[in-house]
Amino acid sequence: MSPNEVAGLVLSTLTIMGILLGALGWWINTKIKAATYQIQPKTNGGFSLSDLHKKIDALTVDMTILKNAVLELEDDVDKLEHDVEGLL
């Protein structure tokens, strides 16, 4: 075999291996995307795992507002009871 034939054989082998490895990488990538679709952001109408923290943050804000409202109402009730006791 001449050096040109050896170089051609090596380049051919490397090209085929590159194509096969590229195809394998593409196949693995599609399998990973399909397997993790449910946990990707903005998929499944906001029910994916990565959307959970947004919902928890919104719940925390709502609970803080509710807690402050309840505390304010309790203070108002205590003030009214104190005023009623003062009238009696």
PDB file of N, CA and C in Angstrom:
ATOM      1  N   MET A   1       0.834  -1.181   0.000  1.00  0.00           N
ATOM      2  CA  MET A   1       0.000   0.000   0.000  1.00  0.00           C
ATOM      3  C   MET A   1       0.877   1.242   0.000  1.00  0.00           C
ATOM      4  N   SER A   2       0.470   2.165  -0.777  1.00  0.00           N
ATOM      5  CA  SER A   2       1.227   3.416  -0.835  1.00  0.00           C
ATOM      6  C   SER A   2       0.761   4.338   0.301  1.00  0.00           C
ATOM      7  N   PRO A   3       1.575   5.311   0.606  1.00  0.00           N
ATOM      8  CA  PRO A   3       1.186   6.259   1.669  1.00  0.00           C
ATOM      9  C   PRO A   3      -0.123   6.974   1.360  1.00  0.00           C
ATOM     10  N   ASN A   4      -0.391   7.249   0.104  1.00  0.00           N
ATOM     11  CA  ASN A   4      -1.656   7.902  -0.262  1.00  0.00           C
ATOM     12  C   ASN A   4      -2.855   6.998   0.038  1.00  0.00           C
ATOM     13  N   GLU A   5      -2.700   5.707  -0.208  1.00  0.00           N
ATOM     14  CA  GLU A   5      -3.779   4.764   0.064  1.00  0.00           C
ATOM     15  C   GLU A   5      -4.025   4.644   1.565  1.00  0.00           C
ATOM     16  N   VAL A   6      -2.945   4.620   2.345  1.00  0.00           N
ATOM     17  CA  VAL A   6      -3.063   4.538   3.807  1.00  0.00           C
ATOM     18  C   VAL A   6      -3.754   5.796   4.342  1.00  0.00           C
ATOM     19  N   ALA A   7      -3.345   6.960   3.856  1.00  0.00           N
ATOM     20  CA  ALA A   7      -3.953   8.217   4.295  1.00  0.00           C
ATOM     21  C   ALA A   7      -5.432   8.247   3.913  1.00  0.00           C
ATOM     22  N   GLY A   8      -5.763   7.768   2.733  1.00  0.00           N
ATOM     23  CA  GLY A   8      -7.157   7.715   2.300  1.00  0.00           C
ATOM     24  C   GLY A   8      -7.978   6.790   3.160  1.00  0.00           C
ATOM     25  N   LEU A   9      -7.394   5.638   3.515  1.00  0.00           N
ATOM     26  CA  LEU A   9      -8.084   4.677   4.373  1.00  0.00           C
ATOM     27  C   LEU A   9      -8.321   5.256   5.759  1.00  0.00           C
ATOM     28  N   VAL A  10      -7.297   5.913   6.300  1.00  0.00           N
ATOM     29  CA  VAL A  10      -7.426   6.525   7.639  1.00  0.00           C
ATOM     30  C   VAL A  10      -8.482   7.628   7.612  1.00  0.00           C
ATOM     31  N   LEU A  11      -8.440   8.487   6.606  1.00  0.00           N
ATOM     32  CA  LEU A  11      -9.418   9.569   6.505  1.00  0.00           C
ATOM     33  C   LEU A  11     -10.834   9.029   6.304  1.00  0.00           C
ATOM     34  N   SER A  12     -10.959   7.979   5.516  1.00  0.00           N
ATOM     35  CA  SER A  12     -12.276   7.368   5.305  1.00  0.00           C
ATOM     36  C   SER A  12     -12.822   6.804   6.608  1.00  0.00           C
ATOM     37  N   THR A  13     -11.952   6.107   7.338  1.00  0.00           N
ATOM     38  CA  THR A  13     -12.357   5.524   8.610  1.00  0.00           C
ATOM     39  C   THR A  13     -12.762   6.611   9.602  1.00  0.00           C
ATOM     40  N   LEU A  14     -11.960   7.682   9.681  1.00  0.00           N
ATOM     41  CA  LEU A  14     -12.283   8.784  10.589  1.00  0.00           C
ATOM     42  C   LEU A  14     -13.585   9.475  10.188  1.00  0.00           C
ATOM     43  N   THR A  15     -13.829   9.623   8.906  1.00  0.00           N
ATOM     44  CA  THR A  15     -15.067  10.240   8.433  1.00  0.00           C
ATOM     45  C   THR A  15     -16.277   9.401   8.808  1.00  0.00           C
ATOM     46  N   ILE A  16     -16.173   8.105   8.576  1.00  0.00           N
ATOM     47  CA  ILE A  16     -17.285   7.202   8.928  1.00  0.00           C
ATOM     48  C   ILE A  16     -17.524   7.217  10.428  1.00  0.00           C
ATOM     49  N   MET A  17     -16.464   7.187  11.214  1.00  0.00           N
ATOM     50  CA  MET A  17     -16.607   7.224  12.667  1.00  0.00           C
ATOM     51  C   MET A  17     -17.230   8.556  13.105  1.00  0.00           C
ATOM     52  N   GLY A  18     -16.830   9.638  12.482  1.00  0.00           N
ATOM     53  CA  GLY A  18     -17.405  10.943  12.810  1.00  0.00           C
ATOM     54  C   GLY A  18     -18.896  10.989  12.520  1.00  0.00           C
ATOM     55  N   ILE A  19     -19.298  10.447  11.379  1.00  0.00           N
ATOM     56  CA  ILE A  19     -20.716  10.408  11.032  1.00  0.00           C
ATOM     57  C   ILE A  19     -21.489   9.548  12.020  1.00  0.00           C
ATOM     58  N   LEU A  20     -20.944   8.381  12.356  1.00  0.00           N
ATOM     59  CA  LEU A  20     -21.615   7.491  13.308  1.00  0.00           C
ATOM     60  C   LEU A  20     -21.716   8.116  14.693  1.00  0.00           C
ATOM     61  N   LEU A  21     -20.642   8.758  15.155  1.00  0.00           N
ATOM     62  CA  LEU A  21     -20.687   9.402  16.471  1.00  0.00           C
ATOM     63  C   LEU A  21     -21.639  10.599  16.481  1.00  0.00           C
ATOM     64  N   GLY A  22     -21.688  11.342  15.378  1.00  0.00           N
ATOM     65  CA  GLY A  22     -22.643  12.447  15.272  1.00  0.00           C
ATOM     66  C   GLY A  22     -24.078  11.950  15.329  1.00  0.00           C
ATOM     67  N   ALA A  23     -24.354  10.858  14.611  1.00  0.00           N
ATOM     68  CA  ALA A  23     -25.696  10.276  14.630  1.00  0.00           C
ATOM     69  C   ALA A  23     -26.037   9.749  16.017  1.00  0.00           C
ATOM     70  N   LEU A  24     -25.076   9.131  16.684  1.00  0.00           N
ATOM     71  CA  LEU A  24     -25.300   8.635  18.040  1.00  0.00           C
ATOM     72  C   LEU A  24     -25.581   9.793  18.995  1.00  0.00           C
ATOM     73  N   GLY A  25     -24.836  10.880  18.868  1.00  0.00           N
ATOM     74  CA  GLY A  25     -25.065  12.058  19.709  1.00  0.00           C
ATOM     75  C   GLY A  25     -26.441  12.654  19.474  1.00  0.00           C
ATOM     76  N   TRP A  26     -26.876  12.735  18.216  1.00  0.00           N
ATOM     77  CA  TRP A  26     -28.206  13.247  17.905  1.00  0.00           C
ATOM     78  C   TRP A  26     -29.280  12.350  18.510  1.00  0.00           C
ATOM     79  N   TRP A  27     -29.107  11.027  18.387  1.00  0.00           N
ATOM     80  CA  TRP A  27     -30.074  10.074  18.924  1.00  0.00           C
ATOM     81  C   TRP A  27     -30.174  10.196  20.444  1.00  0.00           C
ATOM     82  N   ILE A  28     -29.030  10.296  21.118  1.00  0.00           N
ATOM     83  CA  ILE A  28     -29.019  10.447  22.580  1.00  0.00           C
ATOM     84  C   ILE A  28     -29.704  11.750  22.973  1.00  0.00           C
ATOM     85  N   ASN A  29     -29.423  12.826  22.238  1.00  0.00           N
ATOM     86  CA  ASN A  29     -30.028  14.125  22.536  1.00  0.00           C
ATOM     87  C   ASN A  29     -31.550  14.070  22.412  1.00  0.00           C
ATOM     88  N   THR A  30     -32.063  13.413  21.383  1.00  0.00           N
ATOM     89  CA  THR A  30     -33.515  13.316  21.221  1.00  0.00           C
ATOM     90  C   THR A  30     -34.133  12.463  22.322  1.00  0.00           C
ATOM     91  N   LYS A  31     -33.446  11.419  22.742  1.00  0.00           N
ATOM     92  CA  LYS A  31     -33.956  10.582  23.831  1.00  0.00           C
ATOM     93  C   LYS A  31     -33.999  11.359  25.144  1.00  0.00           C
ATOM     94  N   ILE A  32     -32.979  12.156  25.410  1.00  0.00           N
ATOM     95  CA  ILE A  32     -32.945  12.962  26.637  1.00  0.00           C
ATOM     96  C   ILE A  32     -34.057  14.005  26.618  1.00  0.00           C
ATOM     97  N   LYS A  33     -34.248  14.670  25.477  1.00  0.00           N
ATOM     98  CA  LYS A  33     -35.321  15.661  25.379  1.00  0.00           C
ATOM     99  C   LYS A  33     -36.681  15.023  25.598  1.00  0.00           C
ATOM    100  N   ALA A  34     -36.885  13.854  25.021  1.00  0.00           N
ATOM    101  CA  ALA A  34     -38.171  13.175  25.187  1.00  0.00           C
ATOM    102  C   ALA A  34     -38.376  12.726  26.632  1.00  0.00           C
ATOM    103  N   ALA A  35     -37.323  12.265  27.278  1.00  0.00           N
ATOM    104  CA  ALA A  35     -37.448  11.769  28.645  1.00  0.00           C
ATOM    105  C   ALA A  35     -37.640  12.891  29.658  1.00  0.00           C
ATOM    106  N   THR A  36     -37.128  14.085  29.359  1.00  0.00           N
ATOM    107  CA  THR A  36     -37.212  15.189  30.320  1.00  0.00           C
ATOM    108  C   THR A  36     -38.213  16.253  29.905  1.00  0.00           C
ATOM    109  N   TYR A  37     -39.081  15.942  28.961  1.00  0.00           N
ATOM    110  CA  TYR A  37     -40.044  16.922  28.467  1.00  0.00           C
ATOM    111  C   TYR A  37     -40.921  17.474  29.588  1.00  0.00           C
ATOM    112  N   GLN A  38     -41.377  16.624  30.485  1.00  0.00           N
ATOM    113  CA  GLN A  38     -42.297  17.046  31.540  1.00  0.00           C
ATOM    114  C   GLN A  38     -41.663  18.006  32.538  1.00  0.00           C
ATOM    115  N   ILE A  39     -40.339  18.025  32.645  1.00  0.00           N
ATOM    116  CA  ILE A  39     -39.710  18.921  33.614  1.00  0.00           C
ATOM    117  C   ILE A  39     -39.076  20.136  32.958  1.00  0.00           C
ATOM    118  N   GLN A  40     -39.312  20.333  31.669  1.00  0.00           N
ATOM    119  CA  GLN A  40     -38.773  21.501  30.985  1.00  0.00           C
ATOM    120  C   GLN A  40     -39.658  22.704  31.259  1.00  0.00           C
ATOM    121  N   PRO A  41     -39.055  23.914  31.315  1.00  0.00           N
ATOM    122  CA  PRO A  41     -39.859  25.104  31.569  1.00  0.00           C
ATOM    123  C   PRO A  41     -40.859  25.365  30.443  1.00  0.00           C
ATOM    124  N   LYS A  42     -41.989  25.900  30.831  1.00  0.00           N
ATOM    125  CA  LYS A  42     -43.046  26.329  29.903  1.00  0.00           C
ATOM    126  C   LYS A  42     -43.585  25.196  29.045  1.00  0.00           C
ATOM    127  N   THR A  43     -43.552  23.991  29.557  1.00  0.00           N
ATOM    128  CA  THR A  43     -44.184  22.880  28.864  1.00  0.00           C
ATOM    129  C   THR A  43     -45.366  22.422  29.695  1.00  0.00           C
ATOM    130  N   ASN A  44     -46.267  21.756  29.095  1.00  0.00           N
ATOM    131  CA  ASN A  44     -47.394  21.155  29.782  1.00  0.00           C
ATOM    132  C   ASN A  44     -48.270  22.201  30.473  1.00  0.00           C
ATOM    133  N   GLY A  45     -48.398  23.386  29.892  1.00  0.00           N
ATOM    134  CA  GLY A  45     -49.311  24.399  30.418  1.00  0.00           C
ATOM    135  C   GLY A  45     -48.956  24.935  31.793  1.00  0.00           C
ATOM    136  N   GLY A  46     -47.699  24.980  32.144  1.00  0.00           N
ATOM    137  CA  GLY A  46     -47.303  25.512  33.438  1.00  0.00           C
ATOM    138  C   GLY A  46     -47.273  24.485  34.550  1.00  0.00           C
ATOM    139  N   PHE A  47     -47.417  23.217  34.216  1.00  0.00           N
ATOM    140  CA  PHE A  47     -47.398  22.169  35.228  1.00  0.00           C
ATOM    141  C   PHE A  47     -46.063  21.433  35.287  1.00  0.00           C
ATOM    142  N   SER A  48     -45.017  21.992  34.690  1.00  0.00           N
ATOM    143  CA  SER A  48     -43.726  21.317  34.719  1.00  0.00           C
ATOM    144  C   SER A  48     -43.025  21.604  36.040  1.00  0.00           C
ATOM    145  N   LEU A  49     -42.041  20.824  36.334  1.00  0.00           N
ATOM    146  CA  LEU A  49     -41.329  20.930  37.604  1.00  0.00           C
ATOM    147  C   LEU A  49     -40.651  22.281  37.769  1.00  0.00           C
ATOM    148  N   SER A  50     -40.127  22.828  36.697  1.00  0.00           N
ATOM    149  CA  SER A  50     -39.426  24.101  36.830  1.00  0.00           C
ATOM    150  C   SER A  50     -40.389  25.270  37.031  1.00  0.00           C
ATOM    151  N   ASP A  51     -41.684  25.080  36.780  1.00  0.00           N
ATOM    152  CA  ASP A  51     -42.662  26.128  37.045  1.00  0.00           C
ATOM    153  C   ASP A  51     -43.123  26.123  38.499  1.00  0.00           C
ATOM    154  N   LEU A  52     -42.747  25.106  39.242  1.00  0.00           N
ATOM    155  CA  LEU A  52     -43.223  24.958  40.616  1.00  0.00           C
ATOM    156  C   LEU A  52     -42.777  26.111  41.508  1.00  0.00           C
ATOM    157  N   HIS A  53     -41.542  26.572  41.369  1.00  0.00           N
ATOM    158  CA  HIS A  53     -41.056  27.630  42.252  1.00  0.00           C
ATOM    159  C   HIS A  53     -41.836  28.923  42.062  1.00  0.00           C
ATOM    160  N   LYS A  54     -42.303  29.195  40.848  1.00  0.00           N
ATOM    161  CA  LYS A  54     -43.105  30.400  40.607  1.00  0.00           C
ATOM    162  C   LYS A  54     -44.430  30.312  41.359  1.00  0.00           C
ATOM    163  N   LYS A  55     -45.009  29.138  41.354  1.00  0.00           N
ATOM    164  CA  LYS A  55     -46.281  28.954  42.050  1.00  0.00           C
ATOM    165  C   LYS A  55     -46.093  29.036  43.562  1.00  0.00           C
ATOM    166  N   ILE A  56     -45.019  28.473  44.065  1.00  0.00           N
ATOM    167  CA  ILE A  56     -44.744  28.543  45.500  1.00  0.00           C
ATOM    168  C   ILE A  56     -44.475  29.987  45.919  1.00  0.00           C
ATOM    169  N   ASP A  57     -43.730  30.735  45.115  1.00  0.00           N
ATOM    170  CA  ASP A  57     -43.480  32.144  45.422  1.00  0.00           C
ATOM    171  C   ASP A  57     -44.781  32.930  45.457  1.00  0.00           C
ATOM    172  N   ALA A  58     -45.674  32.676  44.512  1.00  0.00           N
ATOM    173  CA  ALA A  58     -46.966  33.366  44.488  1.00  0.00           C
ATOM    174  C   ALA A  58     -47.793  33.002  45.715  1.00  0.00           C
ATOM    175  N   LEU A  59     -47.767  31.732  46.112  1.00  0.00           N
ATOM    176  CA  LEU A  59     -48.474  31.304  47.324  1.00  0.00           C
ATOM    177  C   LEU A  59     -47.912  31.982  48.566  1.00  0.00           C
ATOM    178  N   THR A  60     -46.600  32.126  48.627  1.00  0.00           N
ATOM    179  CA  THR A  60     -45.969  32.778  49.768  1.00  0.00           C
ATOM    180  C   THR A  60     -46.414  34.226  49.876  1.00  0.00           C
ATOM    181  N   VAL A  61     -46.464  34.912  48.748  1.00  0.00           N
ATOM    182  CA  VAL A  61     -46.924  36.309  48.751  1.00  0.00           C
ATOM    183  C   VAL A  61     -48.377  36.377  49.204  1.00  0.00           C
ATOM    184  N   ASP A  62     -49.220  35.493  48.673  1.00  0.00           N
ATOM    185  CA  ASP A  62     -50.630  35.484  49.063  1.00  0.00           C
ATOM    186  C   ASP A  62     -50.802  35.199  50.553  1.00  0.00           C
ATOM    187  N   MET A  63     -50.027  34.257  51.073  1.00  0.00           N
ATOM    188  CA  MET A  63     -50.127  33.923  52.501  1.00  0.00           C
ATOM    189  C   MET A  63     -49.651  35.081  53.375  1.00  0.00           C
ATOM    190  N   THR A  64     -48.653  35.811  52.937  1.00  0.00           N
ATOM    191  CA  THR A  64     -48.175  36.967  53.695  1.00  0.00           C
ATOM    192  C   THR A  64     -49.252  38.050  53.737  1.00  0.00           C
ATOM    193  N   ILE A  65     -49.895  38.283  52.607  1.00  0.00           N
ATOM    194  CA  ILE A  65     -50.984  39.271  52.563  1.00  0.00           C
ATOM    195  C   ILE A  65     -52.127  38.836  53.479  1.00  0.00           C
ATOM    196  N   LEU A  66     -52.487  37.562  53.413  1.00  0.00           N
ATOM    197  CA  LEU A  66     -53.556  37.030  54.254  1.00  0.00           C
ATOM    198  C   LEU A  66     -53.204  37.130  55.731  1.00  0.00           C
ATOM    199  N   LYS A  67     -51.976  36.810  56.075  1.00  0.00           N
ATOM    200  CA  LYS A  67     -51.529  36.889  57.468  1.00  0.00           C
ATOM    201  C   LYS A  67     -51.617  38.326  57.986  1.00  0.00           C
ATOM    202  N   ASN A  68     -51.173  39.276  57.177  1.00  0.00           N
ATOM    203  CA  ASN A  68     -51.241  40.679  57.588  1.00  0.00           C
ATOM    204  C   ASN A  68     -52.687  41.137  57.766  1.00  0.00           C
ATOM    205  N   ALA A  69     -53.580  40.675  56.884  1.00  0.00           N
ATOM    206  CA  ALA A  69     -54.991  41.041  56.995  1.00  0.00           C
ATOM    207  C   ALA A  69     -55.600  40.460  58.265  1.00  0.00           C
ATOM    208  N   VAL A  70     -55.286  39.230  58.583  1.00  0.00           N
ATOM    209  CA  VAL A  70     -55.812  38.594  59.795  1.00  0.00           C
ATOM    210  C   VAL A  70     -55.289  39.314  61.034  1.00  0.00           C
ATOM    211  N   LEU A  71     -54.016  39.643  61.058  1.00  0.00           N
ATOM    212  CA  LEU A  71     -53.459  40.357  62.208  1.00  0.00           C
ATOM    213  C   LEU A  71     -54.111  41.735  62.372  1.00  0.00           C
ATOM    214  N   GLU A  72     -54.374  42.398  61.272  1.00  0.00           N
ATOM    215  CA  GLU A  72     -55.032  43.700  61.335  1.00  0.00           C
ATOM    216  C   GLU A  72     -56.458  43.559  61.868  1.00  0.00           C
ATOM    217  N   LEU A  73     -57.171  42.529  61.420  1.00  0.00           N
ATOM    218  CA  LEU A  73     -58.523  42.285  61.917  1.00  0.00           C
ATOM    219  C   LEU A  73     -58.517  41.946  63.409  1.00  0.00           C
ATOM    220  N   GLU A  74     -57.543  41.151  63.842  1.00  0.00           N
ATOM    221  CA  GLU A  74     -57.449  40.826  65.262  1.00  0.00           C
ATOM    222  C   GLU A  74     -57.198  42.080  66.095  1.00  0.00           C
ATOM    223  N   ASP A  75     -56.351  42.960  65.601  1.00  0.00           N
ATOM    224  CA  ASP A  75     -56.103  44.223  66.308  1.00  0.00           C
ATOM    225  C   ASP A  75     -57.376  45.066  66.372  1.00  0.00           C
ATOM    226  N   ASP A  76     -58.143  45.098  65.278  1.00  0.00           N
ATOM    227  CA  ASP A  76     -59.390  45.855  65.263  1.00  0.00           C
ATOM    228  C   ASP A  76     -60.395  45.276  66.253  1.00  0.00           C
ATOM    229  N   VAL A  77     -60.484  43.947  66.311  1.00  0.00           N
ATOM    230  CA  VAL A  77     -61.399  43.300  67.250  1.00  0.00           C
ATOM    231  C   VAL A  77     -60.977  43.599  68.678  1.00  0.00           C
ATOM    232  N   ASP A  78     -59.690  43.516  68.973  1.00  0.00           N
ATOM    233  CA  ASP A  78     -59.213  43.836  70.327  1.00  0.00           C
ATOM    234  C   ASP A  78     -59.523  45.282  70.691  1.00  0.00           C
ATOM    235  N   LYS A  79     -59.347  46.181  69.749  1.00  0.00           N
ATOM    236  CA  LYS A  79     -59.638  47.595  69.988  1.00  0.00           C
ATOM    237  C   LYS A  79     -61.127  47.803  70.245  1.00  0.00           C
ATOM    238  N   LEU A  80     -61.985  47.125  69.458  1.00  0.00           N
ATOM    239  CA  LEU A  80     -63.429  47.226  69.663  1.00  0.00           C
ATOM    240  C   LEU A  80     -63.840  46.660  71.018  1.00  0.00           C
ATOM    241  N   GLU A  81     -63.249  45.529  71.400  1.00  0.00           N
ATOM    242  CA  GLU A  81     -63.578  44.947  72.725  1.00  0.00           C
ATOM    243  C   GLU A  81     -63.170  45.903  73.837  1.00  0.00           C
ATOM    244  N   HIS A  82     -62.025  46.525  73.673  1.00  0.00           N
ATOM    245  CA  HIS A  82     -61.553  47.479  74.681  1.00  0.00           C
ATOM    246  C   HIS A  82     -62.495  48.678  74.755  1.00  0.00           C
ATOM    247  N   ASP A  83     -62.950  49.171  73.588  1.00  0.00           N
ATOM    248  CA  ASP A  83     -63.886  50.293  73.562  1.00  0.00           C
ATOM    249  C   ASP A  83     -65.225  49.935  74.169  1.00  0.00           C
ATOM    250  N   VAL A  84     -65.718  48.701  73.904  1.00  0.00           N
ATOM    251  CA  VAL A  84     -66.988  48.250  74.456  1.00  0.00           C
ATOM    252  C   VAL A  84     -66.872  48.122  75.978  1.00  0.00           C
ATOM    253  N   GLU A  85     -65.771  47.612  76.476  1.00  0.00           N
ATOM    254  CA  GLU A  85     -65.572  47.480  77.917  1.00  0.00           C
ATOM    255  C   GLU A  85     -65.544  48.863  78.572  1.00  0.00           C
ATOM    256  N   GLY A  86     -64.985  49.844  77.856  1.00  0.00           N
ATOM    257  CA  GLY A  86     -64.947  51.204  78.383  1.00  0.00           C
ATOM    258  C   GLY A  86     -66.316  51.838  78.464  1.00  0.00           C
ATOM    259  N   LEU A  87     -67.235  51.431  77.607  1.00  0.00           N
ATOM    260  CA  LEU A  87     -68.595  51.969  77.617  1.00  0.00           C
ATOM    261  C   LEU A  87     -69.429  51.336  78.707  1.00  0.00           C
ATOM    262  N   LEU A  88     -69.117  50.117  79.085  1.00  0.00           N
ATOM    263  CA  LEU A  88     -69.896  49.424  80.114  1.00  0.00           C
ATOM    264  C   LEU A  88     -69.379  49.807  81.439  1.00  0.00           C
TER     265      LEU A  88
END
